[in-house]
Amino acid sequence: MARVPSGNPLQRRVNGSPRQQQQHLQMLRLRSDDPIGPVPAQRKKDEEQRGEKHSRVQHAKATIAKLGGSLKPGLYGHIFDARPVGGGDLDPAAPSGLHAYTHGALPGTVVAVGRQGSAGGIHSLRWRAAGGGATKDSTMFPTWMPAVHVCTLIALKYPAARGSDVEGPLYAEDTKTYIQHGQDIYSRITKSGDTVYPQ
């Protein structure tokens, strides 16, 4: 039998002789009249807790389905493709926008020059047009966030950013919890003029 590090006295007893192992198991069993009751070896969710979590996830997915593609086209192009909000192509002399990745990558029209902060969280990216030109510093959503999640958070926070009306209920809290993976991204989204970005 392999030895377990000596720092755990319960394991040392289990690794002993068969008689010591039996005594150890008896020691762990609690008497039926013990007021504390049995100590669970692992915390398990009951059916109600599992049902609540399943409901929250389904609410989030329903909200994402409604809002993930709802941003105005000009705003979408500005955030993901570095195009002016009013339309048109990226101007190398006066770059604008670019605040999110698509599938974890930048569009082919831009080149990263430097980054400050972890790409796994909200960070700052210095970039320029692929053919050269002026650089711009943009605050960016994390690289791991899918475009539909970025769009959903923006559309939840700023309904005027939506290009169309949305029917039915939106589950904001469930959706924010599901999308953010424990980070605080939603409260850091801000609006300035026609654009929206994390800060």
N, C-alpha and C. Protein backbone atom coordinates (compact mmCIF):
# COMPACT_ATOMS: atom_id res chain seq x y z
N MET A 1 0.85 -1.18 0.00
CA MET A 1 0.00 0.00 0.00
C MET A 1 0.90 1.24 0.00
N ALA A 2 0.58 2.20 -0.84
CA ALA A 2 1.40 3.41 -0.94
C ALA A 2 1.25 4.24 0.31
N ARG A 3 2.33 4.85 0.70
CA ARG A 3 2.31 5.70 1.88
C ARG A 3 1.79 7.09 1.54
N VAL A 4 0.95 7.62 2.40
CA VAL A 4 0.43 8.98 2.28
C VAL A 4 1.30 9.85 3.15
N PRO A 5 1.57 11.11 2.76
CA PRO A 5 2.40 11.97 3.60
C PRO A 5 1.94 11.95 5.05
N SER A 6 2.91 12.04 5.95
CA SER A 6 2.64 11.87 7.36
C SER A 6 1.89 13.03 7.98
N GLY A 7 1.58 14.09 7.24
CA GLY A 7 0.89 15.23 7.79
C GLY A 7 -0.57 14.96 8.12
N ASN A 8 -1.14 13.89 7.64
CA ASN A 8 -2.55 13.60 7.86
C ASN A 8 -2.67 12.38 8.78
N PRO A 9 -2.99 12.59 10.07
CA PRO A 9 -3.01 11.47 11.02
C PRO A 9 -4.08 10.45 10.69
N LEU A 10 -5.20 10.85 10.09
CA LEU A 10 -6.23 9.88 9.74
C LEU A 10 -5.72 8.93 8.66
N GLN A 11 -5.00 9.46 7.70
CA GLN A 11 -4.46 8.62 6.65
C GLN A 11 -3.40 7.67 7.20
N ARG A 12 -2.60 8.13 8.15
CA ARG A 12 -1.58 7.25 8.73
C ARG A 12 -2.24 6.03 9.35
N ARG A 13 -3.38 6.24 10.00
CA ARG A 13 -4.07 5.10 10.62
C ARG A 13 -4.60 4.14 9.57
N VAL A 14 -5.15 4.67 8.49
CA VAL A 14 -5.71 3.81 7.45
C VAL A 14 -4.62 2.97 6.81
N ASN A 15 -3.41 3.51 6.72
CA ASN A 15 -2.32 2.79 6.09
C ASN A 15 -1.69 1.74 7.00
N GLY A 16 -2.20 1.60 8.19
CA GLY A 16 -1.63 0.63 9.13
C GLY A 16 -2.08 -0.79 8.80
N SER A 17 -2.00 -1.64 9.82
CA SER A 17 -2.37 -3.05 9.65
C SER A 17 -3.89 -3.16 9.45
N PRO A 18 -4.37 -4.32 8.99
CA PRO A 18 -5.81 -4.49 8.81
C PRO A 18 -6.60 -4.21 10.09
N ARG A 19 -6.04 -4.61 11.25
CA ARG A 19 -6.73 -4.34 12.51
C ARG A 19 -6.82 -2.83 12.76
N GLN A 20 -5.73 -2.08 12.49
CA GLN A 20 -5.74 -0.63 12.67
C GLN A 20 -6.74 0.03 11.70
N GLN A 21 -6.82 -0.50 10.50
CA GLN A 21 -7.77 0.04 9.53
C GLN A 21 -9.20 -0.14 10.03
N GLN A 22 -9.49 -1.33 10.59
CA GLN A 22 -10.82 -1.61 11.11
C GLN A 22 -11.15 -0.67 12.27
N GLN A 23 -10.19 -0.46 13.17
CA GLN A 23 -10.40 0.44 14.30
C GLN A 23 -10.63 1.88 13.80
N HIS A 24 -9.90 2.25 12.80
CA HIS A 24 -10.06 3.59 12.24
C HIS A 24 -11.47 3.77 11.69
N LEU A 25 -11.97 2.79 10.96
CA LEU A 25 -13.32 2.87 10.40
C LEU A 25 -14.37 2.93 11.51
N GLN A 26 -14.17 2.15 12.57
CA GLN A 26 -15.11 2.19 13.69
C GLN A 26 -15.07 3.55 14.38
N MET A 27 -13.89 4.14 14.47
CA MET A 27 -13.77 5.45 15.09
C MET A 27 -14.54 6.50 14.28
N LEU A 28 -14.50 6.38 12.94
CA LEU A 28 -15.17 7.35 12.09
C LEU A 28 -16.69 7.22 12.11
N ARG A 29 -17.19 6.01 12.38
CA ARG A 29 -18.64 5.82 12.45
C ARG A 29 -19.18 6.51 13.70
N LEU A 30 -20.23 7.24 13.50
CA LEU A 30 -20.84 7.92 14.65
C LEU A 30 -21.96 7.07 15.20
N ARG A 31 -22.12 7.13 16.50
CA ARG A 31 -23.22 6.40 17.12
C ARG A 31 -24.54 6.99 16.68
N SER A 32 -25.57 6.18 16.64
CA SER A 32 -26.89 6.66 16.18
C SER A 32 -27.47 7.71 17.12
N ASP A 33 -27.03 7.72 18.39
CA ASP A 33 -27.56 8.72 19.32
C ASP A 33 -26.69 9.98 19.39
N ASP A 34 -25.72 10.10 18.52
CA ASP A 34 -24.86 11.28 18.48
C ASP A 34 -25.70 12.50 18.08
N PRO A 35 -25.73 13.57 18.89
CA PRO A 35 -26.57 14.72 18.58
C PRO A 35 -26.13 15.47 17.31
N ILE A 36 -24.90 15.33 16.93
CA ILE A 36 -24.42 16.03 15.73
C ILE A 36 -24.88 15.32 14.47
N GLY A 37 -24.98 14.04 14.54
CA GLY A 37 -25.36 13.26 13.36
C GLY A 37 -24.14 12.96 12.51
N PRO A 38 -24.35 12.25 11.43
CA PRO A 38 -23.22 11.88 10.58
C PRO A 38 -22.64 13.11 9.88
N VAL A 39 -21.34 13.09 9.71
CA VAL A 39 -20.66 14.16 9.01
C VAL A 39 -20.50 13.73 7.56
N PRO A 40 -21.07 14.47 6.62
CA PRO A 40 -20.97 14.04 5.23
C PRO A 40 -19.53 14.16 4.74
N ALA A 41 -19.10 13.17 3.97
CA ALA A 41 -17.77 13.18 3.43
C ALA A 41 -17.67 14.19 2.28
N GLN A 42 -18.77 14.42 1.60
CA GLN A 42 -18.79 15.35 0.48
C GLN A 42 -20.12 16.09 0.49
N ARG A 43 -20.06 17.39 0.25
CA ARG A 43 -21.29 18.18 0.21
C ARG A 43 -21.98 17.91 -1.11
N LYS A 44 -23.22 17.54 -1.04
CA LYS A 44 -23.98 17.26 -2.25
C LYS A 44 -25.16 18.21 -2.32
N LYS A 45 -25.49 18.61 -3.53
CA LYS A 45 -26.66 19.46 -3.72
C LYS A 45 -27.89 18.57 -3.71
N ASP A 46 -28.94 19.09 -3.10
CA ASP A 46 -30.18 18.34 -3.14
C ASP A 46 -30.90 18.66 -4.45
N GLU A 47 -31.98 17.99 -4.69
CA GLU A 47 -32.72 18.14 -5.95
C GLU A 47 -33.19 19.58 -6.16
N GLU A 48 -33.61 20.22 -5.09
CA GLU A 48 -34.09 21.61 -5.20
C GLU A 48 -32.95 22.54 -5.63
N GLN A 49 -31.78 22.38 -5.04
CA GLN A 49 -30.63 23.22 -5.40
C GLN A 49 -30.21 22.99 -6.84
N ARG A 50 -30.21 21.72 -7.26
CA ARG A 50 -29.87 21.42 -8.66
C ARG A 50 -30.89 22.03 -9.60
N GLY A 51 -32.16 21.95 -9.22
CA GLY A 51 -33.22 22.52 -10.05
C GLY A 51 -33.10 24.04 -10.16
N GLU A 52 -32.75 24.70 -9.04
CA GLU A 52 -32.58 26.15 -9.07
C GLU A 52 -31.42 26.55 -9.97
N LYS A 53 -30.31 25.83 -9.88
CA LYS A 53 -29.17 26.15 -10.73
C LYS A 53 -29.53 25.92 -12.19
N HIS A 54 -30.18 24.83 -12.49
CA HIS A 54 -30.59 24.54 -13.86
C HIS A 54 -31.50 25.65 -14.39
N SER A 55 -32.39 26.13 -13.56
CA SER A 55 -33.30 27.21 -13.95
C SER A 55 -32.53 28.49 -14.24
N ARG A 56 -31.54 28.81 -13.39
CA ARG A 56 -30.73 30.02 -13.61
C ARG A 56 -29.97 29.94 -14.92
N VAL A 57 -29.39 28.79 -15.21
CA VAL A 57 -28.65 28.61 -16.45
C VAL A 57 -29.59 28.74 -17.66
N GLN A 58 -30.76 28.15 -17.56
CA GLN A 58 -31.73 28.24 -18.67
C GLN A 58 -32.20 29.68 -18.87
N HIS A 59 -32.40 30.42 -17.78
CA HIS A 59 -32.77 31.84 -17.88
C HIS A 59 -31.67 32.61 -18.60
N ALA A 60 -30.42 32.36 -18.21
CA ALA A 60 -29.29 33.06 -18.82
C ALA A 60 -29.20 32.75 -20.31
N LYS A 61 -29.33 31.48 -20.66
CA LYS A 61 -29.24 31.10 -22.07
C LYS A 61 -30.38 31.71 -22.89
N ALA A 62 -31.56 31.81 -22.31
CA ALA A 62 -32.69 32.44 -23.01
C ALA A 62 -32.42 33.93 -23.23
N THR A 63 -31.86 34.59 -22.23
CA THR A 63 -31.54 36.01 -22.36
C THR A 63 -30.44 36.23 -23.39
N ILE A 64 -29.43 35.38 -23.39
CA ILE A 64 -28.35 35.49 -24.37
C ILE A 64 -28.90 35.29 -25.78
N ALA A 65 -29.82 34.35 -25.95
CA ALA A 65 -30.42 34.12 -27.27
C ALA A 65 -31.16 35.36 -27.76
N LYS A 66 -31.75 36.12 -26.84
CA LYS A 66 -32.50 37.32 -27.23
C LYS A 66 -31.59 38.52 -27.47
N LEU A 67 -30.54 38.66 -26.67
CA LEU A 67 -29.72 39.88 -26.71
C LEU A 67 -28.38 39.72 -27.42
N GLY A 68 -27.92 38.50 -27.61
CA GLY A 68 -26.59 38.27 -28.16
C GLY A 68 -26.36 38.86 -29.54
N GLY A 69 -27.39 38.98 -30.32
CA GLY A 69 -27.27 39.55 -31.67
C GLY A 69 -28.05 40.84 -31.83
N SER A 70 -28.31 41.52 -30.72
CA SER A 70 -29.23 42.65 -30.77
C SER A 70 -28.57 44.02 -30.89
N LEU A 71 -27.24 44.11 -30.83
CA LEU A 71 -26.61 45.43 -30.90
C LEU A 71 -26.82 46.07 -32.26
N LYS A 72 -26.87 47.39 -32.26
CA LYS A 72 -26.95 48.14 -33.52
C LYS A 72 -25.71 47.79 -34.35
N PRO A 73 -25.88 47.61 -35.67
CA PRO A 73 -24.74 47.20 -36.50
C PRO A 73 -23.54 48.13 -36.42
N GLY A 74 -23.77 49.44 -36.36
CA GLY A 74 -22.65 50.38 -36.27
C GLY A 74 -21.86 50.22 -34.99
N LEU A 75 -22.56 49.98 -33.88
CA LEU A 75 -21.90 49.78 -32.59
C LEU A 75 -21.15 48.46 -32.58
N TYR A 76 -21.75 47.43 -33.15
CA TYR A 76 -21.09 46.12 -33.23
C TYR A 76 -19.77 46.24 -34.00
N GLY A 77 -19.80 46.86 -35.16
CA GLY A 77 -18.59 47.03 -35.97
C GLY A 77 -17.53 47.86 -35.26
N HIS A 78 -17.98 48.83 -34.49
CA HIS A 78 -17.07 49.68 -33.73
C HIS A 78 -16.35 48.88 -32.64
N ILE A 79 -17.10 48.07 -31.90
CA ILE A 79 -16.56 47.31 -30.77
C ILE A 79 -15.67 46.15 -31.23
N PHE A 80 -16.08 45.44 -32.26
CA PHE A 80 -15.37 44.23 -32.66
C PHE A 80 -14.41 44.40 -33.84
N ASP A 81 -14.66 45.39 -34.71
CA ASP A 81 -13.87 45.53 -35.94
C ASP A 81 -13.16 46.86 -36.08
N ALA A 82 -13.20 47.73 -35.07
CA ALA A 82 -12.50 49.02 -35.08
C ALA A 82 -13.00 49.94 -36.19
N ARG A 83 -14.27 49.84 -36.52
CA ARG A 83 -14.85 50.74 -37.52
C ARG A 83 -15.55 51.90 -36.82
N PRO A 84 -15.68 53.03 -37.50
CA PRO A 84 -16.43 54.14 -36.91
C PRO A 84 -17.88 53.74 -36.64
N VAL A 85 -18.46 54.24 -35.56
CA VAL A 85 -19.84 53.91 -35.21
C VAL A 85 -20.80 54.27 -36.34
N GLY A 86 -20.53 55.37 -37.02
CA GLY A 86 -21.41 55.81 -38.10
C GLY A 86 -21.27 55.01 -39.38
N GLY A 87 -20.35 54.07 -39.41
CA GLY A 87 -20.15 53.25 -40.60
C GLY A 87 -18.83 53.58 -41.27
N GLY A 88 -18.49 52.81 -42.28
CA GLY A 88 -17.23 53.00 -43.00
C GLY A 88 -16.16 52.05 -42.51
N ASP A 89 -14.96 52.23 -43.06
CA ASP A 89 -13.84 51.35 -42.74
C ASP A 89 -12.91 51.98 -41.70
N LEU A 90 -12.04 51.17 -41.17
CA LEU A 90 -11.02 51.62 -40.22
C LEU A 90 -10.15 52.68 -40.88
N ASP A 91 -9.97 53.80 -40.21
CA ASP A 91 -9.10 54.87 -40.70
C ASP A 91 -7.75 54.73 -40.00
N PRO A 92 -6.68 54.33 -40.73
CA PRO A 92 -5.37 54.15 -40.10
C PRO A 92 -4.82 55.41 -39.44
N ALA A 93 -5.21 56.58 -39.94
CA ALA A 93 -4.71 57.84 -39.38
C ALA A 93 -5.46 58.22 -38.10
N ALA A 94 -6.66 57.75 -37.95
CA ALA A 94 -7.48 58.08 -36.77
C ALA A 94 -8.26 56.84 -36.32
N PRO A 95 -7.55 55.84 -35.79
CA PRO A 95 -8.26 54.62 -35.38
C PRO A 95 -9.25 54.88 -34.25
N SER A 96 -10.33 54.11 -34.25
CA SER A 96 -11.35 54.26 -33.20
C SER A 96 -11.91 52.88 -32.86
N GLY A 97 -12.57 52.83 -31.72
CA GLY A 97 -13.24 51.59 -31.33
C GLY A 97 -12.29 50.49 -30.90
N LEU A 98 -12.70 49.29 -31.21
CA LEU A 98 -12.04 48.03 -30.86
C LEU A 98 -11.99 47.86 -29.34
N HIS A 99 -12.97 47.11 -28.83
CA HIS A 99 -13.03 46.86 -27.39
C HIS A 99 -13.28 45.40 -27.05
N ALA A 100 -13.35 44.53 -28.07
CA ALA A 100 -13.62 43.11 -27.80
C ALA A 100 -13.00 42.25 -28.89
N TYR A 101 -12.80 40.99 -28.53
CA TYR A 101 -12.22 40.00 -29.44
C TYR A 101 -13.33 39.15 -30.05
N THR A 102 -13.04 38.56 -31.19
CA THR A 102 -13.95 37.59 -31.79
C THR A 102 -13.22 36.25 -31.77
N HIS A 103 -13.76 35.28 -31.08
CA HIS A 103 -13.13 33.97 -30.90
C HIS A 103 -11.71 34.12 -30.33
N GLY A 104 -11.54 35.08 -29.42
CA GLY A 104 -10.25 35.28 -28.77
C GLY A 104 -9.20 35.98 -29.62
N ALA A 105 -9.58 36.45 -30.81
CA ALA A 105 -8.60 37.06 -31.70
C ALA A 105 -9.05 38.46 -32.13
N LEU A 106 -8.07 39.24 -32.55
CA LEU A 106 -8.35 40.57 -33.10
C LEU A 106 -8.72 40.43 -34.57
N PRO A 107 -9.42 41.42 -35.12
CA PRO A 107 -9.72 41.35 -36.56
C PRO A 107 -8.42 41.45 -37.37
N GLY A 108 -8.41 40.94 -38.58
CA GLY A 108 -7.23 40.96 -39.43
C GLY A 108 -6.79 42.35 -39.84
N THR A 109 -7.62 43.35 -39.63
CA THR A 109 -7.31 44.72 -40.03
C THR A 109 -6.48 45.46 -39.00
N VAL A 110 -6.22 44.86 -37.83
CA VAL A 110 -5.46 45.54 -36.78
C VAL A 110 -4.31 44.67 -36.30
N VAL A 111 -3.31 45.32 -35.70
CA VAL A 111 -2.15 44.65 -35.14
C VAL A 111 -1.97 45.16 -33.72
N ALA A 112 -1.78 44.24 -32.78
CA ALA A 112 -1.51 44.62 -31.39
C ALA A 112 -0.08 45.12 -31.28
N VAL A 113 0.10 46.22 -30.56
CA VAL A 113 1.42 46.80 -30.34
C VAL A 113 1.87 46.54 -28.90
N GLY A 114 0.94 46.51 -27.98
CA GLY A 114 1.27 46.25 -26.58
C GLY A 114 0.00 46.03 -25.78
N ARG A 115 0.19 45.44 -24.60
CA ARG A 115 -0.96 45.17 -23.73
C ARG A 115 -0.56 45.47 -22.30
N GLN A 116 -1.51 46.00 -21.55
CA GLN A 116 -1.30 46.22 -20.13
C GLN A 116 -2.41 45.49 -19.39
N GLY A 117 -2.03 44.59 -18.51
CA GLY A 117 -3.00 43.79 -17.76
C GLY A 117 -3.17 42.43 -18.38
N SER A 118 -3.87 41.57 -17.66
CA SER A 118 -4.10 40.20 -18.11
C SER A 118 -5.20 40.15 -19.16
N ALA A 119 -4.95 39.40 -20.23
CA ALA A 119 -5.96 39.22 -21.27
C ALA A 119 -7.15 38.42 -20.76
N GLY A 120 -7.02 37.78 -19.60
CA GLY A 120 -8.11 37.03 -19.01
C GLY A 120 -9.10 37.89 -18.25
N GLY A 121 -8.83 39.18 -18.17
CA GLY A 121 -9.73 40.14 -17.52
C GLY A 121 -9.81 41.39 -18.39
N ILE A 122 -10.49 42.41 -17.90
CA ILE A 122 -10.52 43.67 -18.62
C ILE A 122 -9.10 44.23 -18.62
N HIS A 123 -8.61 44.62 -19.79
CA HIS A 123 -7.24 45.07 -19.93
C HIS A 123 -7.15 46.17 -20.98
N SER A 124 -5.98 46.75 -21.11
CA SER A 124 -5.75 47.81 -22.09
C SER A 124 -4.87 47.26 -23.21
N LEU A 125 -5.26 47.57 -24.44
CA LEU A 125 -4.52 47.11 -25.61
C LEU A 125 -4.12 48.31 -26.46
N ARG A 126 -2.85 48.40 -26.80
CA ARG A 126 -2.39 49.41 -27.76
C ARG A 126 -2.32 48.71 -29.11
N TRP A 127 -2.94 49.32 -30.11
CA TRP A 127 -3.02 48.70 -31.42
C TRP A 127 -2.96 49.76 -32.52
N ARG A 128 -2.81 49.28 -33.75
CA ARG A 128 -2.83 50.15 -34.93
C ARG A 128 -3.39 49.35 -36.09
N ALA A 129 -3.68 50.05 -37.18
CA ALA A 129 -4.15 49.38 -38.39
C ALA A 129 -3.04 48.47 -38.91
N ALA A 130 -3.40 47.37 -39.56
CA ALA A 130 -2.42 46.39 -40.04
C ALA A 130 -1.42 47.01 -41.01
N GLY A 131 -1.83 48.00 -41.78
CA GLY A 131 -0.93 48.62 -42.75
C GLY A 131 -0.09 49.75 -42.18
N GLY A 132 -0.17 50.01 -40.91
CA GLY A 132 0.56 51.10 -40.28
C GLY A 132 -0.37 52.22 -39.89
N GLY A 133 0.18 53.28 -39.39
CA GLY A 133 -0.62 54.42 -38.99
C GLY A 133 -0.51 54.69 -37.50
N ALA A 134 -1.42 55.51 -37.02
CA ALA A 134 -1.44 55.93 -35.62
C ALA A 134 -1.82 54.76 -34.72
N THR A 135 -1.37 54.82 -33.47
CA THR A 135 -1.76 53.80 -32.50
C THR A 135 -2.92 54.33 -31.66
N LYS A 136 -3.65 53.40 -31.07
CA LYS A 136 -4.77 53.74 -30.19
C LYS A 136 -4.73 52.81 -29.00
N ASP A 137 -5.05 53.31 -27.83
CA ASP A 137 -5.20 52.49 -26.63
C ASP A 137 -6.68 52.23 -26.43
N SER A 138 -7.04 50.97 -26.32
CA SER A 138 -8.43 50.58 -26.09
C SER A 138 -8.53 49.72 -24.85
N THR A 139 -9.56 49.95 -24.04
CA THR A 139 -9.85 49.01 -22.96
C THR A 139 -10.64 47.87 -23.59
N MET A 140 -10.29 46.65 -23.21
CA MET A 140 -10.81 45.46 -23.87
C MET A 140 -11.53 44.53 -22.90
N PHE A 141 -12.58 43.88 -23.42
CA PHE A 141 -13.21 42.78 -22.70
C PHE A 141 -12.22 41.61 -22.70
N PRO A 142 -12.35 40.66 -21.77
CA PRO A 142 -11.43 39.52 -21.74
C PRO A 142 -11.45 38.73 -23.05
N THR A 143 -10.33 38.12 -23.39
CA THR A 143 -10.24 37.35 -24.64
C THR A 143 -11.16 36.13 -24.63
N TRP A 144 -11.47 35.59 -23.46
CA TRP A 144 -12.29 34.37 -23.39
C TRP A 144 -13.78 34.63 -23.61
N MET A 145 -14.19 35.90 -23.61
CA MET A 145 -15.63 36.18 -23.72
C MET A 145 -16.11 36.06 -25.16
N PRO A 146 -17.07 35.20 -25.42
CA PRO A 146 -17.65 35.13 -26.77
C PRO A 146 -18.36 36.45 -27.11
N ALA A 147 -18.41 36.76 -28.39
CA ALA A 147 -19.04 38.00 -28.84
C ALA A 147 -20.49 38.11 -28.35
N VAL A 148 -21.23 36.99 -28.34
CA VAL A 148 -22.63 37.06 -27.90
C VAL A 148 -22.73 37.42 -26.42
N HIS A 149 -21.74 37.05 -25.63
CA HIS A 149 -21.76 37.41 -24.21
C HIS A 149 -21.44 38.90 -24.03
N VAL A 150 -20.46 39.40 -24.79
CA VAL A 150 -20.16 40.84 -24.74
C VAL A 150 -21.40 41.64 -25.13
N CYS A 151 -22.02 41.26 -26.24
CA CYS A 151 -23.21 41.96 -26.73
C CYS A 151 -24.35 41.89 -25.72
N THR A 152 -24.52 40.75 -25.10
CA THR A 152 -25.60 40.58 -24.12
C THR A 152 -25.41 41.51 -22.92
N LEU A 153 -24.19 41.57 -22.38
CA LEU A 153 -23.95 42.45 -21.23
C LEU A 153 -24.19 43.91 -21.61
N ILE A 154 -23.74 44.31 -22.78
CA ILE A 154 -23.94 45.69 -23.22
C ILE A 154 -25.44 45.97 -23.40
N ALA A 155 -26.14 45.06 -24.05
CA ALA A 155 -27.58 45.25 -24.29
C ALA A 155 -28.39 45.23 -23.00
N LEU A 156 -27.94 44.48 -22.00
CA LEU A 156 -28.61 44.50 -20.70
C LEU A 156 -28.44 45.85 -20.02
N LYS A 157 -27.21 46.36 -20.06
CA LYS A 157 -26.91 47.60 -19.35
C LYS A 157 -27.43 48.83 -20.08
N TYR A 158 -27.36 48.81 -21.40
CA TYR A 158 -27.79 49.97 -22.21
C TYR A 158 -28.80 49.52 -23.27
N PRO A 159 -30.08 49.46 -22.90
CA PRO A 159 -31.10 49.03 -23.86
C PRO A 159 -31.12 49.87 -25.15
N ALA A 160 -30.69 51.13 -25.10
CA ALA A 160 -30.66 51.97 -26.30
C ALA A 160 -29.62 51.47 -27.31
N ALA A 161 -28.70 50.61 -26.88
CA ALA A 161 -27.69 50.06 -27.79
C ALA A 161 -28.26 48.96 -28.67
N ARG A 162 -29.46 48.50 -28.34
CA ARG A 162 -30.09 47.43 -29.12
C ARG A 162 -30.62 47.99 -30.43
N GLY A 163 -30.47 47.19 -31.47
CA GLY A 163 -30.97 47.60 -32.77
C GLY A 163 -32.42 47.25 -32.99
N SER A 164 -32.99 46.48 -32.09
CA SER A 164 -34.39 46.07 -32.22
C SER A 164 -34.99 45.84 -30.85
N ASP A 165 -36.32 45.80 -30.83
CA ASP A 165 -37.02 45.52 -29.59
C ASP A 165 -36.87 44.05 -29.24
N VAL A 166 -36.90 43.76 -27.97
CA VAL A 166 -36.75 42.39 -27.49
C VAL A 166 -38.04 42.00 -26.78
N GLU A 167 -38.59 40.88 -27.17
CA GLU A 167 -39.84 40.39 -26.59
C GLU A 167 -39.55 39.45 -25.42
N GLY A 168 -40.42 39.47 -24.44
CA GLY A 168 -40.34 38.53 -23.34
C GLY A 168 -39.41 38.97 -22.23
N PRO A 169 -39.37 38.17 -21.16
CA PRO A 169 -38.58 38.55 -19.98
C PRO A 169 -37.08 38.39 -20.22
N LEU A 170 -36.33 39.23 -19.53
CA LEU A 170 -34.88 39.14 -19.50
C LEU A 170 -34.47 38.87 -18.05
N TYR A 171 -33.58 37.96 -17.86
CA TYR A 171 -33.15 37.57 -16.53
C TYR A 171 -31.75 38.12 -16.28
N ALA A 172 -31.68 39.38 -15.91
CA ALA A 172 -30.41 40.10 -15.82
C ALA A 172 -29.45 39.46 -14.82
N GLU A 173 -29.90 39.20 -13.61
CA GLU A 173 -28.98 38.68 -12.58
C GLU A 173 -28.46 37.29 -12.94
N ASP A 174 -29.34 36.42 -13.38
CA ASP A 174 -28.91 35.07 -13.77
C ASP A 174 -27.93 35.14 -14.93
N THR A 175 -28.19 36.04 -15.87
CA THR A 175 -27.34 36.17 -17.06
C THR A 175 -25.97 36.72 -16.69
N LYS A 176 -25.94 37.76 -15.86
CA LYS A 176 -24.65 38.33 -15.45
C LYS A 176 -23.81 37.29 -14.72
N THR A 177 -24.41 36.53 -13.83
CA THR A 177 -23.69 35.50 -13.10
C THR A 177 -23.13 34.45 -14.05
N TYR A 178 -23.94 34.01 -14.98
CA TYR A 178 -23.54 32.97 -15.94
C TYR A 178 -22.40 33.45 -16.84
N ILE A 179 -22.48 34.68 -17.33
CA ILE A 179 -21.50 35.18 -18.30
C ILE A 179 -20.17 35.56 -17.66
N GLN A 180 -20.19 36.18 -16.50
CA GLN A 180 -18.99 36.81 -15.95
C GLN A 180 -17.98 35.86 -15.30
N HIS A 181 -18.36 34.64 -15.03
CA HIS A 181 -17.43 33.66 -14.44
C HIS A 181 -16.72 34.20 -13.20
N GLY A 182 -17.48 34.87 -12.33
CA GLY A 182 -16.92 35.36 -11.08
C GLY A 182 -16.22 36.70 -11.17
N GLN A 183 -16.05 37.24 -12.36
CA GLN A 183 -15.43 38.56 -12.51
C GLN A 183 -16.51 39.63 -12.46
N ASP A 184 -16.11 40.86 -12.18
CA ASP A 184 -17.04 41.98 -12.19
C ASP A 184 -16.82 42.76 -13.49
N ILE A 185 -17.52 42.36 -14.52
CA ILE A 185 -17.38 42.99 -15.84
C ILE A 185 -18.53 43.96 -16.08
N TYR A 186 -19.73 43.55 -15.74
CA TYR A 186 -20.94 44.34 -16.01
C TYR A 186 -20.85 45.75 -15.44
N SER A 187 -20.45 45.88 -14.20
CA SER A 187 -20.42 47.20 -13.56
C SER A 187 -19.33 48.09 -14.14
N ARG A 188 -18.39 47.51 -14.88
CA ARG A 188 -17.29 48.27 -15.46
C ARG A 188 -17.57 48.69 -16.91
N ILE A 189 -18.74 48.36 -17.42
CA ILE A 189 -19.11 48.78 -18.78
C ILE A 189 -19.63 50.21 -18.70
N THR A 190 -19.12 51.06 -19.56
CA THR A 190 -19.52 52.47 -19.55
C THR A 190 -19.85 52.94 -20.96
N LYS A 191 -20.58 54.02 -21.03
CA LYS A 191 -20.99 54.59 -22.32
C LYS A 191 -20.42 55.99 -22.43
N SER A 192 -19.90 56.30 -23.62
CA SER A 192 -19.38 57.64 -23.89
C SER A 192 -19.77 58.00 -25.32
N GLY A 193 -20.66 58.96 -25.48
CA GLY A 193 -21.14 59.31 -26.80
C GLY A 193 -21.87 58.13 -27.42
N ASP A 194 -21.42 57.72 -28.61
CA ASP A 194 -22.06 56.60 -29.31
C ASP A 194 -21.42 55.25 -29.02
N THR A 195 -20.38 55.23 -28.23
CA THR A 195 -19.67 53.97 -28.01
C THR A 195 -19.86 53.46 -26.58
N VAL A 196 -19.60 52.17 -26.43
CA VAL A 196 -19.68 51.48 -25.14
C VAL A 196 -18.41 50.66 -25.00
N TYR A 197 -17.83 50.65 -23.81
CA TYR A 197 -16.56 49.93 -23.61
C TYR A 197 -16.40 49.61 -22.12
N PRO A 198 -15.50 48.64 -21.82
CA PRO A 198 -15.21 48.37 -20.40
C PRO A 198 -14.16 49.34 -19.91
N GLN A 199 -14.15 49.58 -18.62
CA GLN A 199 -13.09 50.45 -18.07
C GLN A 199 -12.50 49.82 -16.82
